[in-house]
Amino acid sequence: MPPSDARTGTSTNTGIGSGPGPGPGPGSTPPSGGAAEDTLDLRLSEELVAMFGGSDAVTATPPGAGTPPGAGIPAGDLLDTPAGWGPVTTPAGVFQLVPVRIERDLELITRWMNDPAVAAFWELAGTEDVTAAHLRLQLDGDGRSVPFLGVLGGTPMSYWELYRADLDPLARHYPARPHDTGIHLLLGGVADRGRGVGTTLLRAVADLVLDHRPRCGRVIAEPDLRNTPSVSAFLSAGFRYTAEVDLPDKRAALMVRERAFRDLM
């Protein structure tokens, strides 16, 4: 899983699991049950087959095990270069995803991570070294997960991670489809929490993904089941609650926004 946990602000969590680092990682054992079996049986696109070097390799090495999926693919290609997607106008104001730069953004993101309401789900409280290590896992990776600042009306106010859920260890825990794209989010400012900003921006970013990633049919999120405000925010943003999934560090609500229903929800 990409950098674990994602949370929309105080209690509007939008992420996977808890704890720093890229989720359970290679070699983690999937839970028993149909979800993992469905994942291993998913029909793979030609792109995914090519990444693994052939269909036999894909069957033998599901996402999260052995050689990292997407190894050798230029950074940005796996997510269709979201750094170039540009700003969008939302009911909350003009919003843009800006790629994280450690030398510019580390102090701000570290401060957000040390907010007790955020730390309760991200579990990345600590010095700047803790935050920097979490960011470098993505910035130095193969492009499967990319961190961003969310800039609203010219002000950085949120932290985002976009990631390829189908190329992530998460894919062992649900029936993944090629190009599924995951979202993690936290709102940095207390003033932006609890008044619908998270819902507005979740919808906007999900729409950005679907607009700019034509091969992606679904946007995925997995907030902690205990974080009911987060689940509610996703529902209000057009996501559907589809299942409960047991991840290595939490029980999560699998939230899905499907391209086919985006105009209906």
C-alpha atoms as a PDB file:
ATOM      1  CA  MET A   1       0.000   0.000   0.000  1.00  0.00           C
ATOM      2  CA  PRO A   2       1.261   3.424  -0.612  1.00  0.00           C
ATOM      3  CA  PRO A   3       2.166   5.505   2.353  1.00  0.00           C
ATOM      4  CA  SER A   4      -0.300   4.162   4.810  1.00  0.00           C
ATOM      5  CA  ASP A   5      -3.343   5.814   6.157  1.00  0.00           C
ATOM      6  CA  ALA A   6      -5.092   8.729   4.714  1.00  0.00           C
ATOM      7  CA  ARG A   7      -7.256  11.002   6.613  1.00  0.00           C
ATOM      8  CA  THR A   8      -9.385  13.955   5.767  1.00  0.00           C
ATOM      9  CA  GLY A   9      -8.562  16.291   8.562  1.00  0.00           C
ATOM     10  CA  THR A  10      -9.644  15.907  12.137  1.00  0.00           C
ATOM     11  CA  SER A  11     -11.730  12.840  11.786  1.00  0.00           C
ATOM     12  CA  THR A  12     -12.463  12.794   8.105  1.00  0.00           C
ATOM     13  CA  ASN A  13      -9.971  10.054   7.397  1.00  0.00           C
ATOM     14  CA  THR A  14      -9.438   8.960   3.819  1.00  0.00           C
ATOM     15  CA  GLY A  15      -6.708   6.465   3.845  1.00  0.00           C
ATOM     16  CA  ILE A  16      -5.325   3.054   4.215  1.00  0.00           C
ATOM     17  CA  GLY A  17      -4.383   1.505   7.489  1.00  0.00           C
ATOM     18  CA  SER A  18      -2.317   3.253  10.099  1.00  0.00           C
ATOM     19  CA  GLY A  19       1.371   3.817  10.588  1.00  0.00           C
ATOM     20  CA  PRO A  20       4.171   5.223   8.454  1.00  0.00           C
ATOM     21  CA  GLY A  21       5.633   3.565   5.411  1.00  0.00           C
ATOM     22  CA  PRO A  22       4.199   1.932   2.320  1.00  0.00           C
ATOM     23  CA  GLY A  23       1.609  -0.330   3.935  1.00  0.00           C
ATOM     24  CA  PRO A  24       2.184  -4.000   4.655  1.00  0.00           C
ATOM     25  CA  GLY A  25       4.740  -4.284   1.879  1.00  0.00           C
ATOM     26  CA  PRO A  26       6.118  -7.308   0.052  1.00  0.00           C
ATOM     27  CA  GLY A  27       5.476 -10.660   1.550  1.00  0.00           C
ATOM     28  CA  SER A  28       2.560  -9.649   3.764  1.00  0.00           C
ATOM     29  CA  THR A  29      -0.049 -12.354   4.165  1.00  0.00           C
ATOM     30  CA  PRO A  30      -3.503 -11.558   2.785  1.00  0.00           C
ATOM     31  CA  PRO A  31      -6.482 -12.408   4.956  1.00  0.00           C
ATOM     32  CA  SER A  32      -8.490 -15.493   4.203  1.00  0.00           C
ATOM     33  CA  GLY A  33     -11.705 -15.037   2.271  1.00  0.00           C
ATOM     34  CA  GLY A  34     -13.007 -14.215  -1.172  1.00  0.00           C
ATOM     35  CA  ALA A  35     -11.491 -10.766  -1.562  1.00  0.00           C
ATOM     36  CA  ALA A  36      -7.921 -11.986  -1.896  1.00  0.00           C
ATOM     37  CA  GLU A  37      -8.962 -14.771  -4.266  1.00  0.00           C
ATOM     38  CA  ASP A  38     -10.853 -12.317  -6.459  1.00  0.00           C
ATOM     39  CA  THR A  39      -7.764 -10.136  -6.615  1.00  0.00           C
ATOM     40  CA  LEU A  40      -5.560 -12.943  -7.838  1.00  0.00           C
ATOM     41  CA  ASP A  41      -8.111 -13.859 -10.507  1.00  0.00           C
ATOM     42  CA  LEU A  42      -8.537 -10.338 -11.892  1.00  0.00           C
ATOM     43  CA  ARG A  43      -8.275  -9.901 -15.653  1.00  0.00           C
ATOM     44  CA  LEU A  44      -5.133  -7.948 -16.374  1.00  0.00           C
ATOM     45  CA  SER A  45      -4.692  -5.310 -19.041  1.00  0.00           C
ATOM     46  CA  GLU A  46      -1.901  -5.601 -21.594  1.00  0.00           C
ATOM     47  CA  GLU A  47      -0.076  -2.834 -19.703  1.00  0.00           C
ATOM     48  CA  LEU A  48      -0.010  -4.820 -16.473  1.00  0.00           C
ATOM     49  CA  VAL A  49       1.047  -8.003 -18.249  1.00  0.00           C
ATOM     50  CA  ALA A  50       3.904  -6.101 -19.857  1.00  0.00           C
ATOM     51  CA  MET A  51       4.977  -4.683 -16.493  1.00  0.00           C
ATOM     52  CA  PHE A  52       5.432  -8.158 -15.073  1.00  0.00           C
ATOM     53  CA  GLY A  53       7.028  -9.531 -18.226  1.00  0.00           C
ATOM     54  CA  GLY A  54       4.223 -11.876 -19.220  1.00  0.00           C
ATOM     55  CA  SER A  55       1.011 -13.441 -17.934  1.00  0.00           C
ATOM     56  CA  ASP A  56       2.810 -16.261 -16.133  1.00  0.00           C
ATOM     57  CA  ALA A  57       4.830 -13.760 -14.120  1.00  0.00           C
ATOM     58  CA  VAL A  58       1.678 -11.887 -13.179  1.00  0.00           C
ATOM     59  CA  THR A  59      -0.011 -15.001 -11.870  1.00  0.00           C
ATOM     60  CA  ALA A  60       3.039 -15.970  -9.863  1.00  0.00           C
ATOM     61  CA  THR A  61       3.721 -12.491  -8.472  1.00  0.00           C
ATOM     62  CA  PRO A  62       0.590 -10.533  -7.497  1.00  0.00           C
ATOM     63  CA  PRO A  63       0.926  -6.869  -6.509  1.00  0.00           C
ATOM     64  CA  GLY A  64       2.850  -6.502  -3.271  1.00  0.00           C
ATOM     65  CA  ALA A  65       4.893  -9.692  -3.610  1.00  0.00           C
ATOM     66  CA  GLY A  66       8.331 -10.238  -5.114  1.00  0.00           C
ATOM     67  CA  THR A  67       9.451  -7.736  -7.748  1.00  0.00           C
ATOM     68  CA  PRO A  68       7.570  -4.445  -7.357  1.00  0.00           C
ATOM     69  CA  PRO A  69       4.902  -3.998 -10.049  1.00  0.00           C
ATOM     70  CA  GLY A  70       5.757  -1.155 -12.360  1.00  0.00           C
ATOM     71  CA  ALA A  71       9.488  -1.326 -11.696  1.00  0.00           C
ATOM     72  CA  GLY A  72      11.343   0.478 -14.451  1.00  0.00           C
ATOM     73  CA  ILE A  73       8.327   2.541 -15.537  1.00  0.00           C
ATOM     74  CA  PRO A  74       9.156   6.287 -15.631  1.00  0.00           C
ATOM     75  CA  ALA A  75       7.772   8.162 -12.629  1.00  0.00           C
ATOM     76  CA  GLY A  76       4.495   9.856 -13.474  1.00  0.00           C
ATOM     77  CA  ASP A  77       3.475   7.429 -16.223  1.00  0.00           C
ATOM     78  CA  LEU A  78       1.668   5.107 -13.835  1.00  0.00           C
ATOM     79  CA  LEU A  79      -0.711   7.910 -12.807  1.00  0.00           C
ATOM     80  CA  ASP A  80      -0.796   9.839 -16.087  1.00  0.00           C
ATOM     81  CA  THR A  81       1.243  12.745 -14.695  1.00  0.00           C
ATOM     82  CA  PRO A  82      -1.157  14.403 -12.228  1.00  0.00           C
ATOM     83  CA  ALA A  83       1.342  17.242 -11.717  1.00  0.00           C
ATOM     84  CA  GLY A  84       0.134  18.633 -15.031  1.00  0.00           C
ATOM     85  CA  TRP A  85      -3.598  18.407 -14.426  1.00  0.00           C
ATOM     86  CA  GLY A  86      -3.942  22.071 -13.499  1.00  0.00           C
ATOM     87  CA  PRO A  87      -6.415  23.943 -11.276  1.00  0.00           C
ATOM     88  CA  VAL A  88     -10.158  23.368 -11.025  1.00  0.00           C
ATOM     89  CA  THR A  89     -12.925  25.615  -9.765  1.00  0.00           C
ATOM     90  CA  THR A  90     -14.900  24.145  -6.857  1.00  0.00           C
ATOM     91  CA  PRO A  91     -17.659  25.524  -4.616  1.00  0.00           C
ATOM     92  CA  ALA A  92     -14.913  26.131  -2.036  1.00  0.00           C
ATOM     93  CA  GLY A  93     -12.681  28.051  -4.453  1.00  0.00           C
ATOM     94  CA  VAL A  94      -9.965  27.378  -7.039  1.00  0.00           C
ATOM     95  CA  PHE A  95      -8.121  24.192  -6.118  1.00  0.00           C
ATOM     96  CA  GLN A  96      -4.943  22.588  -7.430  1.00  0.00           C
ATOM     97  CA  LEU A  97      -2.772  19.593  -6.610  1.00  0.00           C
ATOM     98  CA  VAL A  98       0.851  20.754  -6.372  1.00  0.00           C
ATOM     99  CA  PRO A  99       3.625  18.128  -6.203  1.00  0.00           C
ATOM    100  CA  VAL A 100       5.349  17.998  -2.817  1.00  0.00           C
ATOM    101  CA  ARG A 101       8.904  19.309  -2.609  1.00  0.00           C
ATOM    102  CA  ILE A 102      10.621  18.276   0.594  1.00  0.00           C
ATOM    103  CA  GLU A 103      12.838  21.345   0.789  1.00  0.00           C
ATOM    104  CA  ARG A 104       9.789  23.619   0.548  1.00  0.00           C
ATOM    105  CA  ASP A 105       6.997  21.667   2.235  1.00  0.00           C
ATOM    106  CA  LEU A 106       8.545  19.514   4.953  1.00  0.00           C
ATOM    107  CA  GLU A 107       7.986  21.912   7.849  1.00  0.00           C
ATOM    108  CA  LEU A 108       4.318  22.453   6.954  1.00  0.00           C
ATOM    109  CA  ILE A 109       3.482  18.771   6.447  1.00  0.00           C
ATOM    110  CA  THR A 110       5.330  17.826   9.646  1.00  0.00           C
ATOM    111  CA  ARG A 111       3.239  20.348  11.571  1.00  0.00           C
ATOM    112  CA  TRP A 112       0.055  18.822  10.171  1.00  0.00           C
ATOM    113  CA  MET A 113       1.224  15.301  11.009  1.00  0.00           C
ATOM    114  CA  ASN A 114       1.767  16.355  14.629  1.00  0.00           C
ATOM    115  CA  ASP A 115      -1.779  17.623  15.047  1.00  0.00           C
ATOM    116  CA  PRO A 116      -3.243  15.102  17.528  1.00  0.00           C
ATOM    117  CA  ALA A 117      -6.397  14.704  15.445  1.00  0.00           C
ATOM    118  CA  VAL A 118      -4.318  13.800  12.385  1.00  0.00           C
ATOM    119  CA  ALA A 119      -1.724  11.733  14.246  1.00  0.00           C
ATOM    120  CA  ALA A 120      -4.461   9.494  15.647  1.00  0.00           C
ATOM    121  CA  PHE A 121      -4.911   8.012  12.164  1.00  0.00           C
ATOM    122  CA  TRP A 122      -1.708   8.717  10.252  1.00  0.00           C
ATOM    123  CA  GLU A 123       0.583   7.780  13.158  1.00  0.00           C
ATOM    124  CA  LEU A 124       3.364   9.936  11.718  1.00  0.00           C
ATOM    125  CA  ALA A 125       3.819  12.347  14.594  1.00  0.00           C
ATOM    126  CA  GLY A 126       7.430  13.146  15.363  1.00  0.00           C
ATOM    127  CA  THR A 127      10.350  15.091  13.977  1.00  0.00           C
ATOM    128  CA  GLU A 128      10.802  16.247  10.404  1.00  0.00           C
ATOM    129  CA  ASP A 129      12.868  13.121   9.805  1.00  0.00           C
ATOM    130  CA  VAL A 130       9.752  10.980  10.283  1.00  0.00           C
ATOM    131  CA  THR A 131       7.771  12.978   7.741  1.00  0.00           C
ATOM    132  CA  ALA A 132      10.699  13.145   5.315  1.00  0.00           C
ATOM    133  CA  ALA A 133      11.107   9.369   5.376  1.00  0.00           C
ATOM    134  CA  HIS A 134       7.404   8.926   4.603  1.00  0.00           C
ATOM    135  CA  LEU A 135       7.595  11.357   1.684  1.00  0.00           C
ATOM    136  CA  ARG A 136      10.810   9.940   0.241  1.00  0.00           C
ATOM    137  CA  LEU A 137       9.276   6.476  -0.002  1.00  0.00           C
ATOM    138  CA  GLN A 138       7.062   7.982  -2.684  1.00  0.00           C
ATOM    139  CA  LEU A 139       9.320  10.624  -4.217  1.00  0.00           C
ATOM    140  CA  ASP A 140      12.142   8.121  -4.701  1.00  0.00           C
ATOM    141  CA  GLY A 141       9.808   5.337  -5.838  1.00  0.00           C
ATOM    142  CA  ASP A 142       8.550   4.187  -9.222  1.00  0.00           C
ATOM    143  CA  GLY A 143       5.560   6.515  -9.462  1.00  0.00           C
ATOM    144  CA  ARG A 144       2.918   4.211  -8.015  1.00  0.00           C
ATOM    145  CA  SER A 145       2.220   6.740  -5.250  1.00  0.00           C
ATOM    146  CA  VAL A 146       2.708  10.503  -5.524  1.00  0.00           C
ATOM    147  CA  PRO A 147       2.328  13.096  -2.719  1.00  0.00           C
ATOM    148  CA  PHE A 148       0.752  16.528  -3.248  1.00  0.00           C
ATOM    149  CA  LEU A 149      -0.170  19.670  -1.420  1.00  0.00           C
ATOM    150  CA  GLY A 150      -3.753  20.728  -1.943  1.00  0.00           C
ATOM    151  CA  VAL A 151      -3.775  24.478  -2.615  1.00  0.00           C
ATOM    152  CA  LEU A 152      -7.138  26.202  -2.215  1.00  0.00           C
ATOM    153  CA  GLY A 153      -7.447  29.860  -3.180  1.00  0.00           C
ATOM    154  CA  GLY A 154      -3.660  30.119  -3.271  1.00  0.00           C
ATOM    155  CA  THR A 155      -3.184  28.670   0.228  1.00  0.00           C
ATOM    156  CA  PRO A 156      -1.726  25.208   0.958  1.00  0.00           C
ATOM    157  CA  MET A 157      -4.345  23.588   3.198  1.00  0.00           C
ATOM    158  CA  SER A 158      -4.293  19.815   2.647  1.00  0.00           C
ATOM    159  CA  TYR A 159      -2.032  16.874   1.933  1.00  0.00           C
ATOM    160  CA  TRP A 160      -2.894  14.232  -0.683  1.00  0.00           C
ATOM    161  CA  GLU A 161      -1.527  10.960  -1.958  1.00  0.00           C
ATOM    162  CA  LEU A 162      -2.678   9.510  -5.283  1.00  0.00           C
ATOM    163  CA  TYR A 163      -1.686   5.916  -5.891  1.00  0.00           C
ATOM    164  CA  ARG A 164      -2.281   2.954  -8.150  1.00  0.00           C
ATOM    165  CA  ALA A 165      -4.433   0.725  -5.963  1.00  0.00           C
ATOM    166  CA  ASP A 166      -4.158  -2.142  -8.450  1.00  0.00           C
ATOM    167  CA  LEU A 167      -0.353  -2.121  -8.138  1.00  0.00           C
ATOM    168  CA  ASP A 168      -0.408  -1.838  -4.362  1.00  0.00           C
ATOM    169  CA  PRO A 169      -0.519  -4.518  -1.640  1.00  0.00           C
ATOM    170  CA  LEU A 170      -4.084  -3.289  -1.057  1.00  0.00           C
ATOM    171  CA  ALA A 171      -5.006  -5.209  -4.214  1.00  0.00           C
ATOM    172  CA  ARG A 172      -4.621  -8.426  -2.214  1.00  0.00           C
ATOM    173  CA  HIS A 173      -7.563  -7.419  -0.053  1.00  0.00           C
ATOM    174  CA  TYR A 174     -10.259  -6.505  -2.562  1.00  0.00           C
ATOM    175  CA  PRO A 175     -11.208  -7.464  -6.162  1.00  0.00           C
ATOM    176  CA  ALA A 176      -8.921  -4.949  -7.847  1.00  0.00           C
ATOM    177  CA  ARG A 177      -9.262  -3.872 -11.452  1.00  0.00           C
ATOM    178  CA  PRO A 178      -6.520  -2.507 -13.708  1.00  0.00           C
ATOM    179  CA  HIS A 179      -5.911   1.217 -13.204  1.00  0.00           C
ATOM    180  CA  ASP A 180      -7.888   1.512  -9.959  1.00  0.00           C
ATOM    181  CA  THR A 181      -6.646   4.756  -8.405  1.00  0.00           C
ATOM    182  CA  GLY A 182      -6.543   5.372  -4.657  1.00  0.00           C
ATOM    183  CA  ILE A 183      -6.823   8.614  -2.694  1.00  0.00           C
ATOM    184  CA  HIS A 184      -5.401   9.574   0.699  1.00  0.00           C
ATOM    185  CA  LEU A 185      -6.178  12.972   2.217  1.00  0.00           C
ATOM    186  CA  LEU A 186      -5.743  15.055   5.317  1.00  0.00           C
ATOM    187  CA  LEU A 187      -6.968  18.585   5.901  1.00  0.00           C
ATOM    188  CA  GLY A 188      -4.256  20.613   7.580  1.00  0.00           C
ATOM    189  CA  GLY A 189      -6.213  23.562   8.902  1.00  0.00           C
ATOM    190  CA  VAL A 190      -8.729  23.206  11.716  1.00  0.00           C
ATOM    191  CA  ALA A 191     -10.876  25.900  10.065  1.00  0.00           C
ATOM    192  CA  ASP A 192     -11.361  23.664   7.012  1.00  0.00           C
ATOM    193  CA  ARG A 193     -12.671  20.724   9.012  1.00  0.00           C
ATOM    194  CA  GLY A 194     -16.261  19.878   9.744  1.00  0.00           C
ATOM    195  CA  ARG A 195     -17.832  22.251   7.223  1.00  0.00           C
ATOM    196  CA  GLY A 196     -17.918  20.207   4.034  1.00  0.00           C
ATOM    197  CA  VAL A 197     -14.585  21.259   2.532  1.00  0.00           C
ATOM    198  CA  GLY A 198     -13.273  17.694   2.618  1.00  0.00           C
ATOM    199  CA  THR A 199     -16.331  16.408   0.753  1.00  0.00           C
ATOM    200  CA  THR A 200     -16.021  19.142  -1.875  1.00  0.00           C
ATOM    201  CA  LEU A 201     -12.350  18.449  -2.486  1.00  0.00           C
ATOM    202  CA  LEU A 202     -12.763  14.669  -2.500  1.00  0.00           C
ATOM    203  CA  ARG A 203     -15.317  15.004  -5.281  1.00  0.00           C
ATOM    204  CA  ALA A 204     -13.079  17.431  -7.166  1.00  0.00           C
ATOM    205  CA  VAL A 205     -10.010  15.194  -6.973  1.00  0.00           C
ATOM    206  CA  ALA A 206     -11.980  12.069  -7.897  1.00  0.00           C
ATOM    207  CA  ASP A 207     -13.275  13.956 -10.931  1.00  0.00           C
ATOM    208  CA  LEU A 208      -9.734  15.026 -11.819  1.00  0.00           C
ATOM    209  CA  VAL A 209      -8.639  11.388 -11.742  1.00  0.00           C
ATOM    210  CA  LEU A 210     -11.512  10.257 -13.949  1.00  0.00           C
ATOM    211  CA  ASP A 211     -11.070  13.184 -16.345  1.00  0.00           C
ATOM    212  CA  HIS A 212      -7.332  12.712 -16.814  1.00  0.00           C
ATOM    213  CA  ARG A 213      -7.009   8.937 -16.476  1.00  0.00           C
ATOM    214  CA  PRO A 214      -9.281   7.519 -19.200  1.00  0.00           C
ATOM    215  CA  ARG A 215      -8.210   3.948 -18.420  1.00  0.00           C
ATOM    216  CA  CYS A 216      -9.253   4.311 -14.777  1.00  0.00           C
ATOM    217  CA  GLY A 217     -12.811   3.175 -14.152  1.00  0.00           C
ATOM    218  CA  ARG A 218     -12.838   3.556 -10.356  1.00  0.00           C
ATOM    219  CA  VAL A 219     -11.429   5.727  -7.608  1.00  0.00           C
ATOM    220  CA  ILE A 220     -10.797   3.816  -4.371  1.00  0.00           C
ATOM    221  CA  ALA A 221     -10.473   4.768  -0.703  1.00  0.00           C
ATOM    222  CA  GLU A 222     -10.313   2.774   2.533  1.00  0.00           C
ATOM    223  CA  PRO A 223     -11.013   4.889   5.627  1.00  0.00           C
ATOM    224  CA  ASP A 224     -10.936   3.262   9.026  1.00  0.00           C
ATOM    225  CA  LEU A 225     -14.407   1.999   9.913  1.00  0.00           C
ATOM    226  CA  ARG A 226     -14.134   3.803  13.239  1.00  0.00           C
ATOM    227  CA  ASN A 227     -13.831   7.112  11.432  1.00  0.00           C
ATOM    228  CA  THR A 228     -17.493   7.678  10.671  1.00  0.00           C
ATOM    229  CA  PRO A 229     -17.062  11.343   9.620  1.00  0.00           C
ATOM    230  CA  SER A 230     -14.622  10.177   6.954  1.00  0.00           C
ATOM    231  CA  VAL A 231     -16.963   7.514   5.644  1.00  0.00           C
ATOM    232  CA  SER A 232     -19.731  10.098   5.581  1.00  0.00           C
ATOM    233  CA  ALA A 233     -17.536  12.533   3.630  1.00  0.00           C
ATOM    234  CA  PHE A 234     -16.837   9.923   0.973  1.00  0.00           C
ATOM    235  CA  LEU A 235     -20.500   9.054   0.676  1.00  0.00           C
ATOM    236  CA  SER A 236     -21.346  12.735   0.232  1.00  0.00           C
ATOM    237  CA  ALA A 237     -18.621  13.004  -2.427  1.00  0.00           C
ATOM    238  CA  GLY A 238     -20.229  10.337  -4.610  1.00  0.00           C
ATOM    239  CA  PHE A 239     -18.411   7.244  -3.340  1.00  0.00           C
ATOM    240  CA  ARG A 240     -20.274   4.034  -2.534  1.00  0.00           C
ATOM    241  CA  TYR A 241     -19.621   1.885   0.502  1.00  0.00           C
ATOM    242  CA  THR A 242     -18.970  -1.549  -1.009  1.00  0.00           C
ATOM    243  CA  ALA A 243     -17.419  -3.755   1.697  1.00  0.00           C
ATOM    244  CA  GLU A 244     -15.510  -4.061   4.934  1.00  0.00           C
ATOM    245  CA  VAL A 245     -11.946  -5.241   4.471  1.00  0.00           C
ATOM    246  CA  ASP A 246      -9.448  -6.503   7.025  1.00  0.00           C
ATOM    247  CA  LEU A 247      -6.117  -4.824   6.394  1.00  0.00           C
ATOM    248  CA  PRO A 248      -2.956  -5.629   8.371  1.00  0.00           C
ATOM    249  CA  ASP A 249      -3.440  -2.639  10.657  1.00  0.00           C
ATOM    250  CA  LYS A 250      -7.169  -1.881  10.624  1.00  0.00           C
ATOM    251  CA  ARG A 251     -10.643  -2.809   9.511  1.00  0.00           C
ATOM    252  CA  ALA A 252     -11.550  -0.475   6.686  1.00  0.00           C
ATOM    253  CA  ALA A 253     -14.571   0.622   4.709  1.00  0.00           C
ATOM    254  CA  LEU A 254     -13.912   0.098   1.006  1.00  0.00           C
ATOM    255  CA  MET A 255     -15.269   3.185  -0.745  1.00  0.00           C
ATOM    256  CA  VAL A 256     -15.570   3.290  -4.534  1.00  0.00           C
ATOM    257  CA  ARG A 257     -16.485   6.025  -6.970  1.00  0.00           C
ATOM    258  CA  GLU A 258     -17.188   4.516 -10.368  1.00  0.00           C
ATOM    259  CA  ARG A 259     -16.901   6.305 -13.660  1.00  0.00           C
ATOM    260  CA  ALA A 260     -20.166   4.751 -14.825  1.00  0.00           C
ATOM    261  CA  PHE A 261     -22.092   6.402 -11.979  1.00  0.00           C
ATOM    262  CA  ARG A 262     -20.202   9.687 -11.588  1.00  0.00           C
ATOM    263  CA  ASP A 263     -23.049  11.772 -13.037  1.00  0.00           C
ATOM    264  CA  LEU A 264     -25.620  10.068 -10.812  1.00  0.00           C
ATOM    265  CA  MET A 265     -23.920  10.463  -7.423  1.00  0.00           C
END
